[in-house]
Amino acid sequence: MTANGDKQGYYACGFYGYQDTLYAKSGKQYYSNSYIEGATDYIFGNAAAWFGECTIANKGGGPITATSRTTNSEATWYVFDHSTVSLTTTFNFDQFLTMYRSLQYLALIWLEKAISVALGGSTLV
């Protein structure tokens, strides 16, 4: 799915894919109580996107996000607030925890200025 525009909101939606599931292309976006599933860098783009109380399901063990931010002046980022990150595949769990704890799991540093943040209340299950 491509979200291209300012002040978009998505509530109780399901986004399913493998790679490039949700293209948060541009603008300010809000996702609430939604389910987003993929295997590697499946949330990507150059938007300022807030994910509140979402389930982020990883079925491949790769990084979740790949932001397209290229300069410090761009107001683009991804924030996960009170969201649940789950692993939906048989994957080496020790390797998964190592990646998760080092934040490699949350964000693929695809471009130098990428920003992805997990706020308090977000959980790993």
C-alpha atoms as a PDB file:
ATOM      1  CA  MET A   1       0.000   0.000   0.000  1.00  0.00           C
ATOM      2  CA  THR A   2       1.281   3.482  -0.837  1.00  0.00           C
ATOM      3  CA  ALA A   3       0.335   6.360   1.470  1.00  0.00           C
ATOM      4  CA  ASN A   4       1.221   9.593  -0.343  1.00  0.00           C
ATOM      5  CA  GLY A   5      -0.207  12.765   1.125  1.00  0.00           C
ATOM      6  CA  ASP A   6      -0.486  14.890   4.218  1.00  0.00           C
ATOM      7  CA  LYS A   7      -2.644  14.256   7.304  1.00  0.00           C
ATOM      8  CA  GLN A   8      -3.703  10.693   6.569  1.00  0.00           C
ATOM      9  CA  GLY A   9      -5.141   8.389   9.215  1.00  0.00           C
ATOM     10  CA  TYR A  10      -5.671   4.632   9.217  1.00  0.00           C
ATOM     11  CA  TYR A  11      -7.638   2.852  11.934  1.00  0.00           C
ATOM     12  CA  ALA A  12      -8.044  -0.918  12.379  1.00  0.00           C
ATOM     13  CA  CYS A  13      -6.449  -1.752   9.026  1.00  0.00           C
ATOM     14  CA  GLY A  14      -4.479  -4.830   8.021  1.00  0.00           C
ATOM     15  CA  PHE A  15      -1.414  -4.615   5.787  1.00  0.00           C
ATOM     16  CA  TYR A  16       0.082  -7.939   4.695  1.00  0.00           C
ATOM     17  CA  GLY A  17       3.162  -8.576   2.597  1.00  0.00           C
ATOM     18  CA  TYR A  18       6.772  -9.671   2.619  1.00  0.00           C
ATOM     19  CA  GLN A  19       9.000  -6.715   1.729  1.00  0.00           C
ATOM     20  CA  ASP A  20       7.785  -3.151   1.079  1.00  0.00           C
ATOM     21  CA  THR A  21       4.363  -3.860   2.586  1.00  0.00           C
ATOM     22  CA  LEU A  22       3.596  -0.278   3.636  1.00  0.00           C
ATOM     23  CA  TYR A  23       5.089   2.571   1.615  1.00  0.00           C
ATOM     24  CA  ALA A  24       4.714   5.580   3.911  1.00  0.00           C
ATOM     25  CA  LYS A  25       5.772   7.804   1.040  1.00  0.00           C
ATOM     26  CA  SER A  26       5.235  11.366   2.256  1.00  0.00           C
ATOM     27  CA  GLY A  27       3.348  13.684   4.574  1.00  0.00           C
ATOM     28  CA  LYS A  28       2.132  13.194   8.125  1.00  0.00           C
ATOM     29  CA  GLN A  29       0.489   9.835   8.768  1.00  0.00           C
ATOM     30  CA  TYR A  30      -1.160   8.157  11.744  1.00  0.00           C
ATOM     31  CA  TYR A  31      -1.823   4.430  12.088  1.00  0.00           C
ATOM     32  CA  SER A  32      -3.884   3.222  15.033  1.00  0.00           C
ATOM     33  CA  ASN A  33      -4.893  -0.263  16.148  1.00  0.00           C
ATOM     34  CA  SER A  34      -3.654  -1.694  12.863  1.00  0.00           C
ATOM     35  CA  TYR A  35      -1.805  -4.883  11.915  1.00  0.00           C
ATOM     36  CA  ILE A  36       1.286  -4.638   9.708  1.00  0.00           C
ATOM     37  CA  GLU A  37       3.076  -7.809   8.625  1.00  0.00           C
ATOM     38  CA  GLY A  38       6.219  -8.398   6.594  1.00  0.00           C
ATOM     39  CA  ALA A  39       9.639 -10.026   6.568  1.00  0.00           C
ATOM     40  CA  THR A  40      12.227  -7.329   5.941  1.00  0.00           C
ATOM     41  CA  ASP A  41      12.110  -3.498   5.754  1.00  0.00           C
ATOM     42  CA  TYR A  42       8.370  -3.703   5.193  1.00  0.00           C
ATOM     43  CA  ILE A  43       7.564  -0.208   6.461  1.00  0.00           C
ATOM     44  CA  PHE A  44       9.481   2.257   4.321  1.00  0.00           C
ATOM     45  CA  GLY A  45       9.386   5.714   2.727  1.00  0.00           C
ATOM     46  CA  ASN A  46       9.837   9.355   3.643  1.00  0.00           C
ATOM     47  CA  ALA A  47       6.802  10.191   5.786  1.00  0.00           C
ATOM     48  CA  ALA A  48       6.434  11.377   9.368  1.00  0.00           C
ATOM     49  CA  ALA A  49       4.463   8.348  10.578  1.00  0.00           C
ATOM     50  CA  TRP A  50       3.135   7.578  14.054  1.00  0.00           C
ATOM     51  CA  PHE A  51       2.072   3.999  14.841  1.00  0.00           C
ATOM     52  CA  GLY A  52      -0.120   3.907  17.952  1.00  0.00           C
ATOM     53  CA  GLU A  53      -1.228   0.632  19.533  1.00  0.00           C
ATOM     54  CA  CYS A  54      -0.392  -1.341  16.381  1.00  0.00           C
ATOM     55  CA  THR A  55       0.739  -4.930  15.991  1.00  0.00           C
ATOM     56  CA  ILE A  56       3.913  -5.170  13.951  1.00  0.00           C
ATOM     57  CA  ALA A  57       4.339  -8.812  12.907  1.00  0.00           C
ATOM     58  CA  ASN A  58       7.682  -9.934  11.566  1.00  0.00           C
ATOM     59  CA  LYS A  59       7.518 -13.162   9.576  1.00  0.00           C
ATOM     60  CA  GLY A  60      11.119 -13.170   8.399  1.00  0.00           C
ATOM     61  CA  GLY A  61      13.314 -11.797  11.159  1.00  0.00           C
ATOM     62  CA  GLY A  62      14.634  -8.832   9.139  1.00  0.00           C
ATOM     63  CA  PRO A  63      14.509  -5.130  10.035  1.00  0.00           C
ATOM     64  CA  ILE A  64      11.066  -3.555  10.240  1.00  0.00           C
ATOM     65  CA  THR A  65      11.670  -0.084   8.782  1.00  0.00           C
ATOM     66  CA  ALA A  66      13.732   1.599   6.093  1.00  0.00           C
ATOM     67  CA  THR A  67      13.219   5.350   6.085  1.00  0.00           C
ATOM     68  CA  SER A  68      14.218   7.512   3.132  1.00  0.00           C
ATOM     69  CA  ARG A  69      15.380  10.541   5.145  1.00  0.00           C
ATOM     70  CA  THR A  70      18.481  12.082   3.548  1.00  0.00           C
ATOM     71  CA  THR A  71      19.061  15.383   5.401  1.00  0.00           C
ATOM     72  CA  ASN A  72      18.850  16.633   8.979  1.00  0.00           C
ATOM     73  CA  SER A  73      16.302  19.251   7.953  1.00  0.00           C
ATOM     74  CA  GLU A  74      13.677  16.705   6.860  1.00  0.00           C
ATOM     75  CA  ALA A  75      10.881  16.260   9.403  1.00  0.00           C
ATOM     76  CA  THR A  76      10.449  12.592   8.617  1.00  0.00           C
ATOM     77  CA  TRP A  77      10.534   9.701  11.090  1.00  0.00           C
ATOM     78  CA  TYR A  78       8.656   6.643  12.340  1.00  0.00           C
ATOM     79  CA  VAL A  79       7.449   6.389  15.940  1.00  0.00           C
ATOM     80  CA  PHE A  80       5.988   3.210  17.466  1.00  0.00           C
ATOM     81  CA  ASP A  81       3.948   4.068  20.556  1.00  0.00           C
ATOM     82  CA  HIS A  82       2.402   1.349  22.730  1.00  0.00           C
ATOM     83  CA  SER A  83       2.744  -1.087  19.848  1.00  0.00           C
ATOM     84  CA  THR A  84       3.481  -4.817  19.905  1.00  0.00           C
ATOM     85  CA  VAL A  85       6.248  -6.360  17.849  1.00  0.00           C
ATOM     86  CA  SER A  86       5.814 -10.077  17.295  1.00  0.00           C
ATOM     87  CA  LEU A  87       7.719 -12.780  15.463  1.00  0.00           C
ATOM     88  CA  THR A  88       5.410 -14.975  13.365  1.00  0.00           C
ATOM     89  CA  THR A  89       7.922 -17.465  11.974  1.00  0.00           C
ATOM     90  CA  THR A  90      10.348 -20.107  13.109  1.00  0.00           C
ATOM     91  CA  PHE A  91      13.523 -18.123  13.355  1.00  0.00           C
ATOM     92  CA  ASN A  92      16.643 -18.348  15.492  1.00  0.00           C
ATOM     93  CA  PHE A  93      15.233 -16.571  18.543  1.00  0.00           C
ATOM     94  CA  ASP A  94      18.660 -15.881  20.094  1.00  0.00           C
ATOM     95  CA  GLN A  95      19.740 -14.129  16.883  1.00  0.00           C
ATOM     96  CA  PHE A  96      16.426 -12.243  16.841  1.00  0.00           C
ATOM     97  CA  LEU A  97      16.916 -11.000  20.431  1.00  0.00           C
ATOM     98  CA  THR A  98      20.470  -9.882  19.695  1.00  0.00           C
ATOM     99  CA  MET A  99      19.245  -7.879  16.690  1.00  0.00           C
ATOM    100  CA  TYR A 100      16.269  -6.481  18.607  1.00  0.00           C
ATOM    101  CA  ARG A 101      18.322  -5.360  21.595  1.00  0.00           C
ATOM    102  CA  SER A 102      20.811  -3.568  19.376  1.00  0.00           C
ATOM    103  CA  LEU A 103      18.005  -1.789  17.472  1.00  0.00           C
ATOM    104  CA  GLN A 104      19.123  -3.375  14.198  1.00  0.00           C
ATOM    105  CA  TYR A 105      15.764  -5.085  14.250  1.00  0.00           C
ATOM    106  CA  LEU A 106      13.715  -1.907  14.314  1.00  0.00           C
ATOM    107  CA  ALA A 107      15.440  -0.015  11.522  1.00  0.00           C
ATOM    108  CA  LEU A 108      17.521  -0.843   8.520  1.00  0.00           C
ATOM    109  CA  ILE A 109      19.883   2.104   8.218  1.00  0.00           C
ATOM    110  CA  TRP A 110      19.160   2.318   4.522  1.00  0.00           C
ATOM    111  CA  LEU A 111      20.039   5.982   4.229  1.00  0.00           C
ATOM    112  CA  GLU A 112      22.357   7.843   6.574  1.00  0.00           C
ATOM    113  CA  LYS A 113      19.780  10.069   8.321  1.00  0.00           C
ATOM    114  CA  ALA A 114      17.081   7.447   9.045  1.00  0.00           C
ATOM    115  CA  ILE A 115      15.091   7.815  12.287  1.00  0.00           C
ATOM    116  CA  SER A 116      12.849   5.156  13.868  1.00  0.00           C
ATOM    117  CA  VAL A 117      11.894   5.270  17.564  1.00  0.00           C
ATOM    118  CA  ALA A 118      10.107   2.853  19.879  1.00  0.00           C
ATOM    119  CA  LEU A 119       8.461   4.621  22.824  1.00  0.00           C
ATOM    120  CA  GLY A 120       7.733   3.223  26.245  1.00  0.00           C
ATOM    121  CA  GLY A 121       4.848   0.818  26.315  1.00  0.00           C
ATOM    122  CA  SER A 122       5.909  -0.972  23.145  1.00  0.00           C
ATOM    123  CA  THR A 123       6.497  -4.689  23.698  1.00  0.00           C
ATOM    124  CA  LEU A 124       8.163  -7.676  22.113  1.00  0.00           C
ATOM    125  CA  VAL A 125       6.194 -10.918  22.140  1.00  0.00           C
END
